[in-house]
N, C-alpha and C. Protein backbone atom coordinates (compact mmCIF):
# COMPACT_ATOMS: atom_id res chain seq x y z
N GLN A 1 93.19 13.09 143.27
CA GLN A 1 92.85 14.56 143.12
C GLN A 1 94.11 15.38 142.94
N VAL A 2 93.99 16.38 142.10
CA VAL A 2 94.97 17.33 141.96
C VAL A 2 94.54 18.75 142.15
N HIS A 3 95.16 19.58 142.99
CA HIS A 3 94.76 20.93 143.25
C HIS A 3 95.83 21.95 142.66
N LEU A 4 95.33 22.98 142.03
CA LEU A 4 96.22 23.89 141.39
C LEU A 4 96.19 25.23 142.05
N VAL A 5 97.42 25.88 142.25
CA VAL A 5 97.50 27.20 142.87
C VAL A 5 98.19 28.03 141.89
N GLU A 6 97.43 29.04 141.42
CA GLU A 6 98.00 30.01 140.42
C GLU A 6 98.40 31.41 141.19
N SER A 7 99.43 32.04 140.44
CA SER A 7 99.77 33.37 141.06
C SER A 7 100.46 34.08 139.91
N GLY A 8 100.51 35.43 140.05
CA GLY A 8 101.43 36.24 139.22
C GLY A 8 100.59 37.18 138.32
N GLY A 9 99.34 37.21 138.37
CA GLY A 9 98.48 38.11 137.54
C GLY A 9 98.61 39.51 138.04
N GLY A 10 98.10 40.49 137.26
CA GLY A 10 98.09 41.84 137.62
C GLY A 10 97.88 42.77 136.47
N VAL A 11 98.13 44.00 136.84
CA VAL A 11 97.85 45.05 135.76
C VAL A 11 99.22 45.61 135.24
N VAL A 12 99.44 45.67 133.92
CA VAL A 12 100.71 46.11 133.41
C VAL A 12 100.47 46.94 132.19
N GLN A 13 101.29 47.76 131.74
CA GLN A 13 101.19 48.60 130.66
C GLN A 13 101.59 47.84 129.43
N ALA A 14 101.04 48.16 128.28
CA ALA A 14 101.43 47.42 127.00
C ALA A 14 103.04 47.59 126.91
N GLY A 15 103.52 46.48 126.47
CA GLY A 15 104.99 46.40 126.28
C GLY A 15 105.72 45.78 127.52
N GLY A 16 104.96 45.73 128.54
CA GLY A 16 105.45 45.18 129.82
C GLY A 16 105.43 43.62 129.89
N SER A 17 105.89 43.18 131.06
CA SER A 17 106.12 41.71 131.21
C SER A 17 105.38 41.28 132.53
N LEU A 18 104.87 40.09 132.52
CA LEU A 18 104.36 39.34 133.76
C LEU A 18 104.85 37.97 133.77
N ARG A 19 104.89 37.29 134.90
CA ARG A 19 105.13 35.92 135.04
C ARG A 19 104.15 35.24 135.91
N LEU A 20 103.48 34.24 135.23
CA LEU A 20 102.54 33.50 136.02
C LEU A 20 103.15 32.11 136.41
N SER A 21 102.70 31.67 137.66
CA SER A 21 103.13 30.50 138.22
C SER A 21 101.80 29.62 138.54
N CYS A 22 102.02 28.41 138.43
CA CYS A 22 101.00 27.40 138.86
C CYS A 22 101.59 26.09 139.43
N ALA A 23 101.36 25.89 140.73
CA ALA A 23 101.83 24.72 141.32
C ALA A 23 100.80 23.69 141.47
N ALA A 24 101.03 22.37 141.14
CA ALA A 24 100.11 21.36 141.38
C ALA A 24 100.37 20.58 142.60
N PHE A 25 99.34 20.24 143.34
CA PHE A 25 99.46 19.52 144.50
C PHE A 25 98.60 18.22 144.41
N GLY A 26 99.02 17.03 145.04
CA GLY A 26 98.06 15.96 145.09
C GLY A 26 98.70 14.73 144.41
N SER A 27 97.92 14.00 143.85
CA SER A 27 98.37 12.69 143.13
C SER A 27 98.71 13.03 141.73
N ILE A 28 100.12 13.27 141.65
CA ILE A 28 100.63 13.72 140.41
C ILE A 28 101.31 12.51 139.69
N ARG A 29 100.68 12.14 138.58
CA ARG A 29 101.33 11.10 137.78
C ARG A 29 102.42 11.67 136.89
N SER A 30 103.37 10.88 136.66
CA SER A 30 104.67 11.34 135.98
C SER A 30 104.33 11.85 134.55
N ASN A 31 103.45 11.24 133.89
CA ASN A 31 103.23 11.52 132.56
C ASN A 31 101.90 12.57 132.45
N ASN A 32 102.23 13.89 132.28
CA ASN A 32 101.07 14.61 132.27
C ASN A 32 101.29 15.93 131.42
N ASP A 33 100.28 16.78 131.22
CA ASP A 33 100.46 18.03 130.49
C ASP A 33 100.03 19.15 131.39
N MET A 34 100.81 20.22 131.44
CA MET A 34 100.40 21.43 132.15
C MET A 34 100.23 22.54 131.25
N ASN A 35 99.08 23.24 131.31
CA ASN A 35 98.79 24.11 130.21
C ASN A 35 98.32 25.43 130.75
N TRP A 36 98.47 26.57 129.98
CA TRP A 36 97.79 27.84 130.26
C TRP A 36 96.73 28.08 129.18
N TYR A 37 95.60 28.47 129.67
CA TYR A 37 94.40 28.98 128.82
C TYR A 37 94.12 30.34 129.24
N ARG A 38 93.48 31.12 128.48
CA ARG A 38 92.98 32.38 128.88
C ARG A 38 91.52 32.66 128.24
N GLN A 39 90.88 33.49 129.04
CA GLN A 39 89.48 33.92 128.51
C GLN A 39 89.47 35.34 128.60
N ALA A 40 89.16 35.91 127.45
CA ALA A 40 89.05 37.36 127.30
C ALA A 40 87.56 37.77 127.54
N PRO A 41 87.19 38.88 128.04
CA PRO A 41 85.74 39.27 128.14
C PRO A 41 85.01 38.96 126.83
N GLY A 42 83.91 38.23 127.02
CA GLY A 42 82.98 38.00 125.79
C GLY A 42 83.51 36.96 124.77
N LYS A 43 84.60 36.36 125.24
CA LYS A 43 85.24 35.29 124.21
C LYS A 43 85.32 34.01 124.96
N GLN A 44 85.61 33.00 124.08
CA GLN A 44 85.75 31.61 124.56
C GLN A 44 87.23 31.43 125.21
N ARG A 45 87.26 30.52 126.09
CA ARG A 45 88.57 30.16 126.63
C ARG A 45 89.38 29.50 125.49
N GLU A 46 90.55 29.99 125.45
CA GLU A 46 91.53 29.46 124.37
C GLU A 46 92.83 28.97 124.92
N LEU A 47 93.50 27.97 124.35
CA LEU A 47 94.80 27.52 124.79
C LEU A 47 95.84 28.65 124.33
N VAL A 48 96.62 28.87 125.36
CA VAL A 48 97.78 29.88 125.22
C VAL A 48 99.07 29.07 124.84
N ALA A 49 99.30 28.10 125.86
CA ALA A 49 100.62 27.41 125.80
C ALA A 49 100.54 26.16 126.53
N SER A 50 101.15 25.06 126.05
CA SER A 50 101.16 23.77 126.75
C SER A 50 102.50 23.22 126.85
N LYS A 51 102.82 22.40 127.89
CA LYS A 51 104.20 21.76 128.09
C LYS A 51 103.88 20.51 128.67
N SER A 52 104.32 19.40 127.98
CA SER A 52 104.19 18.00 128.64
C SER A 52 105.37 17.82 129.55
N SER A 53 105.14 16.80 130.47
CA SER A 53 106.23 16.34 131.40
C SER A 53 107.51 15.94 130.68
N ARG A 54 107.24 15.48 129.22
CA ARG A 54 108.29 15.13 128.46
C ARG A 54 109.00 16.17 127.63
N GLY A 55 108.35 17.42 127.82
CA GLY A 55 109.08 18.62 127.30
C GLY A 55 108.49 19.09 126.02
N ASN A 56 107.40 18.42 125.49
CA ASN A 56 106.77 18.93 124.18
C ASN A 56 106.01 20.17 124.47
N THR A 57 106.22 21.23 123.64
CA THR A 57 105.67 22.49 123.92
C THR A 57 104.86 23.01 122.68
N ASN A 58 103.72 23.78 123.00
CA ASN A 58 102.91 24.29 121.89
C ASN A 58 102.59 25.63 122.36
N TYR A 59 102.35 26.50 121.31
CA TYR A 59 101.92 27.93 121.76
C TYR A 59 100.88 28.35 120.66
N ALA A 60 99.95 29.17 121.17
CA ALA A 60 99.05 29.75 120.26
C ALA A 60 99.72 30.71 119.42
N ASP A 61 99.39 30.84 118.14
CA ASP A 61 100.04 31.69 117.17
C ASP A 61 100.19 33.08 117.64
N SER A 62 99.18 33.55 118.44
CA SER A 62 99.10 34.98 118.91
C SER A 62 100.15 35.27 119.95
N VAL A 63 100.80 34.26 120.52
CA VAL A 63 101.71 34.49 121.60
C VAL A 63 103.09 34.09 121.24
N LYS A 64 103.31 33.33 120.18
CA LYS A 64 104.70 32.96 119.73
C LYS A 64 105.55 34.04 119.67
N GLU A 65 106.76 33.84 120.20
CA GLU A 65 107.87 34.80 120.28
C GLU A 65 107.72 35.82 121.29
N ARG A 66 106.58 35.73 122.04
CA ARG A 66 106.44 36.63 123.16
C ARG A 66 106.28 35.98 124.46
N PHE A 67 105.61 34.80 124.52
CA PHE A 67 105.44 33.99 125.78
C PHE A 67 106.32 32.86 125.69
N THR A 68 106.83 32.50 126.99
CA THR A 68 107.56 31.22 127.06
C THR A 68 106.93 30.43 128.30
N ILE A 69 106.60 29.16 127.95
CA ILE A 69 106.20 28.27 129.06
C ILE A 69 107.22 27.45 129.47
N SER A 70 107.45 27.14 130.80
CA SER A 70 108.46 26.40 131.34
C SER A 70 107.91 25.62 132.40
N ARG A 71 108.56 24.57 132.87
CA ARG A 71 108.07 23.82 134.12
C ARG A 71 109.31 23.22 134.84
N ASP A 72 109.01 23.14 136.01
CA ASP A 72 109.96 22.50 136.98
C ASP A 72 109.22 21.24 137.57
N ASN A 73 109.66 20.04 137.01
CA ASN A 73 108.81 18.77 137.23
C ASN A 73 109.08 18.29 138.66
N ALA A 74 110.24 18.76 139.27
CA ALA A 74 110.42 18.38 140.65
C ALA A 74 109.49 19.18 141.50
N LYS A 75 109.01 20.28 141.25
CA LYS A 75 108.17 21.04 141.99
C LYS A 75 106.79 21.05 141.54
N ASN A 76 106.54 20.28 140.36
CA ASN A 76 105.17 20.17 139.82
C ASN A 76 104.63 21.58 139.51
N THR A 77 105.47 22.40 138.94
CA THR A 77 105.09 23.72 138.77
C THR A 77 105.35 24.23 137.34
N VAL A 78 104.35 24.87 136.71
CA VAL A 78 104.56 25.37 135.40
C VAL A 78 104.54 26.88 135.51
N TYR A 79 105.24 27.59 134.60
CA TYR A 79 105.32 29.01 134.59
C TYR A 79 105.03 29.56 133.13
N LEU A 80 104.53 30.76 133.12
CA LEU A 80 104.28 31.40 131.84
C LEU A 80 104.96 32.82 131.94
N GLN A 81 106.05 32.94 131.09
CA GLN A 81 106.65 34.26 131.13
C GLN A 81 106.10 35.00 129.83
N MET A 82 105.42 36.18 130.17
CA MET A 82 104.88 36.94 129.24
C MET A 82 105.49 38.22 128.97
N ASN A 83 106.06 38.46 127.92
CA ASN A 83 106.79 39.68 127.38
C ASN A 83 106.05 40.33 126.26
N SER A 84 106.49 41.64 126.08
CA SER A 84 105.83 42.43 125.15
C SER A 84 104.24 42.26 125.09
N LEU A 85 103.77 42.51 126.28
CA LEU A 85 102.19 42.29 126.33
C LEU A 85 101.53 43.39 125.64
N LYS A 86 100.34 42.98 125.02
CA LYS A 86 99.41 43.80 124.30
C LYS A 86 98.08 43.81 125.03
N PRO A 87 97.35 44.90 124.84
CA PRO A 87 96.00 44.90 125.32
C PRO A 87 95.12 43.70 125.14
N GLU A 88 95.30 43.19 124.01
CA GLU A 88 94.53 41.95 123.57
C GLU A 88 94.88 40.70 124.36
N ASP A 89 95.93 40.85 125.09
CA ASP A 89 96.42 39.72 126.06
C ASP A 89 95.52 39.80 127.39
N THR A 90 94.81 40.81 127.55
CA THR A 90 93.95 40.89 128.71
C THR A 90 92.86 39.74 128.84
N GLY A 91 92.92 39.26 130.09
CA GLY A 91 91.87 38.14 130.29
C GLY A 91 92.17 37.48 131.56
N VAL A 92 91.40 36.47 131.82
CA VAL A 92 91.59 35.55 133.02
C VAL A 92 92.39 34.34 132.44
N TYR A 93 93.62 34.10 133.16
CA TYR A 93 94.49 33.14 132.76
C TYR A 93 94.28 31.83 133.66
N TYR A 94 93.98 30.71 133.08
CA TYR A 94 93.76 29.51 133.85
C TYR A 94 94.91 28.52 133.65
N CYS A 95 95.21 27.99 134.66
CA CYS A 95 96.18 26.83 134.70
C CYS A 95 95.38 25.48 134.47
N ASN A 96 95.87 24.53 133.77
CA ASN A 96 95.17 23.31 133.45
C ASN A 96 96.18 22.19 133.63
N PHE A 97 95.73 21.07 134.30
CA PHE A 97 96.59 19.90 134.52
C PHE A 97 95.80 18.77 133.87
N ARG A 98 96.54 17.98 133.09
CA ARG A 98 95.89 16.96 132.36
C ARG A 98 96.62 15.74 132.44
N ASP A 99 96.13 14.60 132.80
CA ASP A 99 96.82 13.29 132.56
C ASP A 99 95.77 12.23 132.08
N SER A 100 96.16 11.00 132.10
CA SER A 100 95.13 9.94 131.62
C SER A 100 93.92 9.76 132.37
N TYR A 101 93.85 10.34 133.66
CA TYR A 101 92.71 10.17 134.50
C TYR A 101 92.01 11.40 134.85
N MET A 102 92.64 12.49 134.71
CA MET A 102 91.99 13.73 135.21
C MET A 102 92.27 14.95 134.31
N ASN A 103 91.38 15.95 134.51
CA ASN A 103 91.56 17.16 133.81
C ASN A 103 91.04 18.29 134.78
N THR A 104 92.18 18.93 135.35
CA THR A 104 91.89 19.79 136.45
C THR A 104 92.16 21.34 136.14
N TRP A 105 91.41 22.14 136.73
CA TRP A 105 91.48 23.69 136.38
C TRP A 105 91.81 24.40 137.61
N GLY A 106 92.59 25.37 137.46
CA GLY A 106 92.82 26.32 138.60
C GLY A 106 91.72 27.34 138.54
N LYS A 107 91.70 28.19 139.54
CA LYS A 107 90.59 29.29 139.63
C LYS A 107 90.90 30.48 138.77
N GLY A 108 92.06 30.58 138.17
CA GLY A 108 92.22 31.70 137.27
C GLY A 108 93.05 32.85 137.88
N THR A 109 93.80 33.60 137.15
CA THR A 109 94.47 34.84 137.63
C THR A 109 94.24 35.90 136.57
N GLN A 110 93.80 37.07 136.98
CA GLN A 110 93.52 38.12 136.09
C GLN A 110 94.67 38.95 135.53
N VAL A 111 94.77 39.05 134.31
CA VAL A 111 95.84 39.90 133.63
C VAL A 111 95.19 40.99 132.95
N ILE A 112 95.64 42.26 133.20
CA ILE A 112 95.03 43.44 132.45
C ILE A 112 96.18 44.12 131.86
N VAL A 113 96.18 44.25 130.59
CA VAL A 113 97.11 45.09 129.90
C VAL A 113 96.57 46.44 129.35
N SER A 114 96.96 47.53 129.98
CA SER A 114 96.51 48.77 129.61
C SER A 114 97.37 49.43 128.43
N SER A 115 96.61 50.04 127.57
CA SER A 115 97.23 50.76 126.35
C SER A 115 97.89 52.06 126.69
């Protein structure tokens, strides 16, 4: 079992920055992906950014050049640095841990970007 603890959401004005963190606890296998998804009101959950334990990184087109995903493998923690935030970035951000055996979600952290 893997348990995820997210932090860092909040309310920010457009153009501002936030940093999300997600720590994984439990049976962590060395080969895994840690990802950030978000769900805006009335929309489907979408992938924002992903980073594998081997360093492979992917971003949604809408956040490229503004968001940066990083991870500390020693701490089993993934971060999402969000800069130049836009109102359309508003939503609940979910951390996701995935390996060959499990697919685990955090409870989510709210991000609100005011115009």
